[in-house]
C-alpha atoms as a PDB file:
ATOM      1  CA  MET A   1     277.308 211.077 185.140  1.00  0.00           C
ATOM      2  CA  THR A   2     279.137 209.063 182.471  1.00  0.00           C
ATOM      3  CA  ALA A   3     276.422 206.408 182.240  1.00  0.00           C
ATOM      4  CA  SER A   4     273.739 209.026 181.495  1.00  0.00           C
ATOM      5  CA  ASN A   5     275.895 211.207 179.252  1.00  0.00           C
ATOM      6  CA  PRO A   6     274.704 210.858 175.631  1.00  0.00           C
ATOM      7  CA  HIS A   7     277.996 212.400 174.468  1.00  0.00           C
ATOM      8  CA  ALA A   8     280.267 209.866 176.165  1.00  0.00           C
ATOM      9  CA  GLY A   9     283.139 208.838 173.921  1.00  0.00           C
ATOM     10  CA  ALA A  10     282.487 211.533 171.284  1.00  0.00           C
ATOM     11  CA  SER A  11     285.182 214.146 170.649  1.00  0.00           C
ATOM     12  CA  ASP A  12     282.755 216.497 168.847  1.00  0.00           C
ATOM     13  CA  PRO A  13     279.267 215.322 169.830  1.00  0.00           C
ATOM     14  CA  HIS A  14     277.284 218.040 168.069  1.00  0.00           C
ATOM     15  CA  ASP A  15     279.068 217.708 164.739  1.00  0.00           C
ATOM     16  CA  GLY A  16     276.587 216.861 161.997  1.00  0.00           C
ATOM     17  CA  GLN A  17     273.516 217.672 164.063  1.00  0.00           C
ATOM     18  CA  PRO A  18     270.539 219.166 162.172  1.00  0.00           C
ATOM     19  CA  VAL A  19     269.206 222.712 162.224  1.00  0.00           C
ATOM     20  CA  ALA A  20     265.422 223.115 162.111  1.00  0.00           C
ATOM     21  CA  THR A  21     264.135 226.135 160.205  1.00  0.00           C
ATOM     22  CA  ALA A  22     260.998 228.181 159.625  1.00  0.00           C
ATOM     23  CA  GLY A  23     260.009 231.498 158.091  1.00  0.00           C
ATOM     24  CA  ALA A  24     262.097 233.206 155.422  1.00  0.00           C
ATOM     25  CA  VAL A  25     264.377 230.257 154.622  1.00  0.00           C
ATOM     26  CA  ALA A  26     265.120 228.164 151.541  1.00  0.00           C
ATOM     27  CA  ASP A  27     267.037 224.893 151.673  1.00  0.00           C
ATOM     28  CA  GLY A  28     267.902 225.531 155.307  1.00  0.00           C
ATOM     29  CA  VAL A  29     269.415 228.950 154.632  1.00  0.00           C
ATOM     30  CA  PRO A  30     267.931 232.425 155.276  1.00  0.00           C
ATOM     31  CA  THR A  31     266.768 234.015 152.042  1.00  0.00           C
ATOM     32  CA  ALA A  32     268.746 237.009 150.835  1.00  0.00           C
ATOM     33  CA  ASP A  33     265.763 239.304 151.397  1.00  0.00           C
ATOM     34  CA  ALA A  34     265.111 238.169 154.986  1.00  0.00           C
ATOM     35  CA  ASP A  35     264.692 241.174 157.247  1.00  0.00           C
ATOM     36  CA  ALA A  36     266.211 239.441 160.277  1.00  0.00           C
ATOM     37  CA  VAL A  37     267.214 236.054 161.645  1.00  0.00           C
ATOM     38  CA  VAL A  38     266.383 234.515 165.010  1.00  0.00           C
ATOM     39  CA  VAL A  39     268.521 231.643 166.283  1.00  0.00           C
ATOM     40  CA  PHE A  40     266.616 229.668 168.922  1.00  0.00           C
ATOM     41  CA  VAL A  41     268.640 227.572 171.394  1.00  0.00           C
ATOM     42  CA  HIS A  42     266.634 224.907 173.215  1.00  0.00           C
ATOM     43  CA  GLY A  43     267.021 223.710 176.781  1.00  0.00           C
ATOM     44  CA  ARG A  44     268.025 220.351 178.232  1.00  0.00           C
ATOM     45  CA  GLY A  45     265.647 217.585 177.200  1.00  0.00           C
ATOM     46  CA  ALA A  46     263.926 219.791 174.629  1.00  0.00           C
ATOM     47  CA  THR A  47     263.984 219.986 170.839  1.00  0.00           C
ATOM     48  CA  ALA A  48     264.709 222.487 168.109  1.00  0.00           C
ATOM     49  CA  GLU A  49     261.188 222.050 166.741  1.00  0.00           C
ATOM     50  CA  GLY A  50     259.774 222.860 170.160  1.00  0.00           C
ATOM     51  CA  MET A  51     261.702 226.121 170.258  1.00  0.00           C
ATOM     52  CA  LEU A  52     260.459 227.042 166.781  1.00  0.00           C
ATOM     53  CA  GLU A  53     256.940 227.104 168.204  1.00  0.00           C
ATOM     54  CA  MET A  54     257.961 230.339 169.927  1.00  0.00           C
ATOM     55  CA  ALA A  55     258.063 231.981 166.493  1.00  0.00           C
ATOM     56  CA  THR A  56     254.264 231.881 166.409  1.00  0.00           C
ATOM     57  CA  GLU A  57     254.354 234.572 169.113  1.00  0.00           C
ATOM     58  CA  PHE A  58     255.943 237.088 166.749  1.00  0.00           C
ATOM     59  CA  ASP A  59     254.145 239.289 164.241  1.00  0.00           C
ATOM     60  CA  ALA A  60     257.258 240.233 162.280  1.00  0.00           C
ATOM     61  CA  ASP A  61     257.155 239.250 158.605  1.00  0.00           C
ATOM     62  CA  GLY A  62     260.223 238.350 156.604  1.00  0.00           C
ATOM     63  CA  VAL A  63     262.083 236.753 159.520  1.00  0.00           C
ATOM     64  CA  ALA A  64     264.112 233.551 159.213  1.00  0.00           C
ATOM     65  CA  TYR A  65     264.151 231.193 162.196  1.00  0.00           C
ATOM     66  CA  LEU A  66     266.920 228.657 162.794  1.00  0.00           C
ATOM     67  CA  ALA A  67     267.098 226.217 165.701  1.00  0.00           C
ATOM     68  CA  PRO A  68     270.071 223.861 166.102  1.00  0.00           C
ATOM     69  CA  GLN A  69     269.399 220.484 167.692  1.00  0.00           C
ATOM     70  CA  ALA A  70     271.730 219.213 170.426  1.00  0.00           C
ATOM     71  CA  ARG A  71     272.757 215.574 170.315  1.00  0.00           C
ATOM     72  CA  GLY A  72     270.837 213.671 172.960  1.00  0.00           C
ATOM     73  CA  ARG A  73     268.749 216.796 173.616  1.00  0.00           C
ATOM     74  CA  THR A  74     271.472 218.266 175.826  1.00  0.00           C
ATOM     75  CA  TRP A  75     274.245 220.712 175.037  1.00  0.00           C
ATOM     76  CA  TYR A  76     276.521 219.543 177.861  1.00  0.00           C
ATOM     77  CA  PRO A  77     276.106 216.837 180.512  1.00  0.00           C
ATOM     78  CA  ASP A  78     276.526 218.587 183.870  1.00  0.00           C
ATOM     79  CA  SER A  79     275.172 221.756 185.470  1.00  0.00           C
ATOM     80  CA  PHE A  80     276.173 225.057 183.905  1.00  0.00           C
ATOM     81  CA  LEU A  81     277.678 225.871 187.315  1.00  0.00           C
ATOM     82  CA  ALA A  82     280.064 222.892 187.175  1.00  0.00           C
ATOM     83  CA  PRO A  83     283.751 223.362 186.361  1.00  0.00           C
ATOM     84  CA  ILE A  84     284.140 224.086 182.649  1.00  0.00           C
ATOM     85  CA  GLU A  85     286.291 220.991 182.129  1.00  0.00           C
ATOM     86  CA  ASP A  86     283.504 218.762 183.480  1.00  0.00           C
ATOM     87  CA  ASN A  87     281.339 219.769 180.517  1.00  0.00           C
ATOM     88  CA  GLU A  88     284.010 219.243 177.877  1.00  0.00           C
ATOM     89  CA  PRO A  89     284.211 218.392 175.028  1.00  0.00           C
ATOM     90  CA  SER A  90     280.445 218.888 174.822  1.00  0.00           C
ATOM     91  CA  LEU A  91     280.526 222.602 175.669  1.00  0.00           C
ATOM     92  CA  SER A  92     283.164 223.474 173.077  1.00  0.00           C
ATOM     93  CA  SER A  93     281.321 221.362 170.507  1.00  0.00           C
ATOM     94  CA  ALA A  94     278.061 223.206 171.280  1.00  0.00           C
ATOM     95  CA  LEU A  95     279.710 226.616 170.997  1.00  0.00           C
ATOM     96  CA  ASP A  96     281.292 225.580 167.698  1.00  0.00           C
ATOM     97  CA  PHE A  97     277.882 224.441 166.451  1.00  0.00           C
ATOM     98  CA  LEU A  98     276.390 227.844 167.244  1.00  0.00           C
ATOM     99  CA  GLY A  99     279.350 229.410 165.495  1.00  0.00           C
ATOM    100  CA  ARG A 100     278.595 227.412 162.350  1.00  0.00           C
ATOM    101  CA  VAL A 101     274.949 228.459 162.465  1.00  0.00           C
ATOM    102  CA  HIS A 102     276.009 232.085 162.880  1.00  0.00           C
ATOM    103  CA  GLN A 103     278.359 231.726 159.905  1.00  0.00           C
ATOM    104  CA  ARG A 104     275.539 230.219 157.837  1.00  0.00           C
ATOM    105  CA  VAL A 105     273.506 233.337 158.536  1.00  0.00           C
ATOM    106  CA  ALA A 106     276.417 235.642 157.661  1.00  0.00           C
ATOM    107  CA  ASP A 107     277.079 233.737 154.424  1.00  0.00           C
ATOM    108  CA  ALA A 108     273.439 234.348 153.483  1.00  0.00           C
ATOM    109  CA  GLY A 109     274.121 238.086 153.660  1.00  0.00           C
ATOM    110  CA  ILE A 110     272.368 238.788 156.969  1.00  0.00           C
ATOM    111  CA  PRO A 111     274.610 240.926 159.222  1.00  0.00           C
ATOM    112  CA  ALA A 112     275.033 240.267 162.925  1.00  0.00           C
ATOM    113  CA  ASP A 113     273.091 243.421 163.803  1.00  0.00           C
ATOM    114  CA  ARG A 114     269.991 241.799 162.295  1.00  0.00           C
ATOM    115  CA  THR A 115     270.586 238.463 164.001  1.00  0.00           C
ATOM    116  CA  CYS A 116     268.959 237.687 167.369  1.00  0.00           C
ATOM    117  CA  LEU A 117     269.766 234.784 169.669  1.00  0.00           C
ATOM    118  CA  VAL A 118     267.018 233.505 171.962  1.00  0.00           C
ATOM    119  CA  GLY A 119     267.746 230.761 174.473  1.00  0.00           C
ATOM    120  CA  PHE A 120     265.851 229.097 177.290  1.00  0.00           C
ATOM    121  CA  SER A 121     267.395 227.333 180.298  1.00  0.00           C
ATOM    122  CA  GLN A 122     270.479 225.380 179.179  1.00  0.00           C
ATOM    123  CA  GLY A 123     270.083 227.049 175.787  1.00  0.00           C
ATOM    124  CA  ALA A 124     270.038 230.467 177.454  1.00  0.00           C
ATOM    125  CA  CYS A 125     273.301 229.639 179.190  1.00  0.00           C
ATOM    126  CA  LEU A 126     274.855 228.541 175.912  1.00  0.00           C
ATOM    127  CA  ALA A 127     273.585 231.587 174.009  1.00  0.00           C
ATOM    128  CA  SER A 128     274.877 234.041 176.614  1.00  0.00           C
ATOM    129  CA  GLU A 129     278.266 232.329 176.695  1.00  0.00           C
ATOM    130  CA  PHE A 130     278.481 232.347 172.891  1.00  0.00           C
ATOM    131  CA  VAL A 131     277.679 236.052 172.666  1.00  0.00           C
ATOM    132  CA  ALA A 132     280.159 236.924 175.422  1.00  0.00           C
ATOM    133  CA  ARG A 133     282.917 234.935 173.711  1.00  0.00           C
ATOM    134  CA  ASN A 134     282.050 236.360 170.287  1.00  0.00           C
ATOM    135  CA  ALA A 135     281.151 239.927 171.159  1.00  0.00           C
ATOM    136  CA  GLU A 136     279.963 242.119 168.300  1.00  0.00           C
ATOM    137  CA  GLU A 137     276.827 244.128 167.617  1.00  0.00           C
ATOM    138  CA  TYR A 138     273.947 241.673 167.373  1.00  0.00           C
ATOM    139  CA  GLY A 139     270.315 242.386 166.691  1.00  0.00           C
ATOM    140  CA  GLY A 140     269.497 241.147 170.174  1.00  0.00           C
ATOM    141  CA  LEU A 141     269.997 238.487 172.819  1.00  0.00           C
ATOM    142  CA  ALA A 142     267.306 237.024 175.056  1.00  0.00           C
ATOM    143  CA  VAL A 143     268.509 234.948 178.019  1.00  0.00           C
ATOM    144  CA  LEU A 144     265.439 233.262 179.495  1.00  0.00           C
ATOM    145  CA  SER A 145     266.268 231.483 182.762  1.00  0.00           C
ATOM    146  CA  GLY A 146     270.001 231.231 182.224  1.00  0.00           C
ATOM    147  CA  GLY A 147     273.388 232.872 182.608  1.00  0.00           C
ATOM    148  CA  LEU A 148     277.073 232.625 181.802  1.00  0.00           C
ATOM    149  CA  ILE A 149     278.667 229.210 182.182  1.00  0.00           C
ATOM    150  CA  GLY A 150     281.133 228.084 184.848  1.00  0.00           C
ATOM    151  CA  PRO A 151     281.434 227.923 188.629  1.00  0.00           C
ATOM    152  CA  GLU A 152     281.616 230.936 190.910  1.00  0.00           C
ATOM    153  CA  GLY A 153     284.870 232.773 190.358  1.00  0.00           C
ATOM    154  CA  THR A 154     285.244 231.810 186.693  1.00  0.00           C
ATOM    155  CA  PRO A 155     287.394 234.468 184.966  1.00  0.00           C
ATOM    156  CA  ARG A 156     285.309 236.535 182.575  1.00  0.00           C
ATOM    157  CA  ASP A 157     288.149 237.722 180.343  1.00  0.00           C
ATOM    158  CA  TYR A 158     286.079 238.257 177.217  1.00  0.00           C
ATOM    159  CA  ASP A 159     287.167 240.461 174.322  1.00  0.00           C
ATOM    160  CA  GLY A 160     285.157 242.456 171.805  1.00  0.00           C
ATOM    161  CA  ASP A 161     282.400 245.046 171.934  1.00  0.00           C
ATOM    162  CA  LEU A 162     278.664 244.340 171.859  1.00  0.00           C
ATOM    163  CA  GLY A 163     278.024 247.806 170.441  1.00  0.00           C
ATOM    164  CA  ALA A 164     274.862 248.489 172.483  1.00  0.00           C
ATOM    165  CA  THR A 165     273.283 245.169 171.499  1.00  0.00           C
ATOM    166  CA  PRO A 166     269.849 245.041 173.182  1.00  0.00           C
ATOM    167  CA  ILE A 167     269.924 242.205 175.723  1.00  0.00           C
ATOM    168  CA  PHE A 168     267.137 240.862 177.887  1.00  0.00           C
ATOM    169  CA  LEU A 169     267.738 238.697 180.960  1.00  0.00           C
ATOM    170  CA  GLY A 170     264.669 237.209 182.614  1.00  0.00           C
ATOM    171  CA  CYS A 171     264.511 234.753 185.505  1.00  0.00           C
ATOM    172  CA  GLY A 172     262.353 233.811 188.471  1.00  0.00           C
ATOM    173  CA  ASP A 173     263.631 234.347 192.000  1.00  0.00           C
ATOM    174  CA  ARG A 174     262.560 230.791 192.871  1.00  0.00           C
ATOM    175  CA  ASP A 175     264.223 229.117 189.906  1.00  0.00           C
ATOM    176  CA  PRO A 176     265.803 225.923 191.308  1.00  0.00           C
ATOM    177  CA  HIS A 177     268.392 225.772 188.509  1.00  0.00           C
ATOM    178  CA  ILE A 178     269.509 229.387 188.010  1.00  0.00           C
ATOM    179  CA  PRO A 179     270.855 231.380 190.984  1.00  0.00           C
ATOM    180  CA  VAL A 180     269.771 235.015 190.840  1.00  0.00           C
ATOM    181  CA  GLU A 181     273.382 235.953 191.610  1.00  0.00           C
ATOM    182  CA  ARG A 182     274.472 234.400 188.313  1.00  0.00           C
ATOM    183  CA  VAL A 183     271.867 236.433 186.433  1.00  0.00           C
ATOM    184  CA  HIS A 184     273.269 239.578 188.069  1.00  0.00           C
ATOM    185  CA  GLU A 185     276.822 238.557 187.145  1.00  0.00           C
ATOM    186  CA  THR A 186     275.754 237.951 183.557  1.00  0.00           C
ATOM    187  CA  ARG A 187     274.102 241.374 183.477  1.00  0.00           C
ATOM    188  CA  ASP A 188     277.277 243.035 184.715  1.00  0.00           C
ATOM    189  CA  VAL A 189     279.585 241.184 182.320  1.00  0.00           C
ATOM    190  CA  LEU A 190     277.454 241.849 179.248  1.00  0.00           C
ATOM    191  CA  THR A 191     277.068 245.500 180.240  1.00  0.00           C
ATOM    192  CA  GLU A 192     280.852 245.801 180.587  1.00  0.00           C
ATOM    193  CA  LEU A 193     281.148 244.374 177.074  1.00  0.00           C
ATOM    194  CA  GLY A 194     278.949 247.198 175.789  1.00  0.00           C
ATOM    195  CA  GLY A 195     275.533 245.564 175.802  1.00  0.00           C
ATOM    196  CA  ASP A 196     272.332 247.509 176.501  1.00  0.00           C
ATOM    197  CA  VAL A 197     271.035 245.120 179.166  1.00  0.00           C
ATOM    198  CA  THR A 198     267.557 244.872 180.669  1.00  0.00           C
ATOM    199  CA  GLU A 199     267.243 242.487 183.625  1.00  0.00           C
ATOM    200  CA  ARG A 200     263.970 241.302 185.126  1.00  0.00           C
ATOM    201  CA  ILE A 201     263.792 239.064 188.209  1.00  0.00           C
ATOM    202  CA  TYR A 202     260.242 237.839 188.744  1.00  0.00           C
ATOM    203  CA  GLU A 203     259.075 237.363 192.312  1.00  0.00           C
ATOM    204  CA  GLY A 204     257.630 233.937 193.030  1.00  0.00           C
ATOM    205  CA  MET A 205     258.382 232.520 189.569  1.00  0.00           C
ATOM    206  CA  SER A 206     260.135 229.176 189.164  1.00  0.00           C
ATOM    207  CA  HIS A 207     261.704 227.820 185.943  1.00  0.00           C
ATOM    208  CA  GLY A 208     259.754 229.023 182.941  1.00  0.00           C
ATOM    209  CA  VAL A 209     258.831 231.905 180.653  1.00  0.00           C
ATOM    210  CA  ASN A 210     256.072 234.428 181.315  1.00  0.00           C
ATOM    211  CA  ARG A 211     254.103 236.775 179.073  1.00  0.00           C
ATOM    212  CA  GLU A 212     256.187 239.850 179.881  1.00  0.00           C
ATOM    213  CA  GLU A 213     259.339 238.017 178.839  1.00  0.00           C
ATOM    214  CA  MET A 214     257.722 237.019 175.560  1.00  0.00           C
ATOM    215  CA  GLU A 215     256.803 240.640 174.953  1.00  0.00           C
ATOM    216  CA  TYR A 216     260.441 241.676 175.410  1.00  0.00           C
ATOM    217  CA  VAL A 217     261.558 238.990 172.979  1.00  0.00           C
ATOM    218  CA  ARG A 218     258.899 240.012 170.463  1.00  0.00           C
ATOM    219  CA  ASN A 219     260.117 243.590 170.605  1.00  0.00           C
ATOM    220  CA  LEU A 220     263.747 242.494 170.105  1.00  0.00           C
ATOM    221  CA  VAL A 221     262.810 240.590 166.975  1.00  0.00           C
ATOM    222  CA  GLU A 222     260.571 243.309 165.550  1.00  0.00           C
ATOM    223  CA  ASP A 223     263.229 245.974 166.160  1.00  0.00           C
ATOM    224  CA  ALA A 224     265.899 243.855 164.440  1.00  0.00           C
ATOM    225  CA  ALA A 225     263.599 243.227 161.488  1.00  0.00           C
ATOM    226  CA  SER A 226     262.818 246.941 161.094  1.00  0.00           C
ATOM    227  CA  MET A 227     266.464 248.051 160.907  1.00  0.00           C
ATOM    228  CA  GLU A 228     267.372 249.923 157.739  1.00  0.00           C
END
């Protein structure tokens, strides 16, 4: 896939990439009085601005929305089920990018327990992997058509405690990209890390997001924004 890999030859392909913002932000940073932050993580071939359109589904006021943009519109070149090394250095660069966004939020005074991560497809895989590798109490995690990264049998030796972070996993049983078994594995791993996980497998659904999933995400965001 070298010829079609937009990251070929780059040691840190996502370094310097922009972060799109909306809502309670100023100069690209959440305002100090923001009630919560949502970090949107787009899928392969998509854009940060496209993910920000999801914010129009939420009624919560005072929420800051941040959406990092992957270089070449992809976080890593191969399938999320490929050997980890096949997606390097892109995968590590993407995880580091999310880490910098998370630090930007923390530096603005917004704690992790009022920060939600919402990812779709490749972005859902990246978001779930980031949260598993950086386990703490978040405001919420929504994994829409995705799961933890790596081939079958990948060791899941994660540390930390998610502290009952509310987590939603949604996927169709006919999704050509996401095996249902990987969604189940992700559920089990995040539960073992202390997450409060809700899993929904939708009969007959392919690769996409339905209204019930959006309702779960809306509730995650509103609950995070209403925390004292």
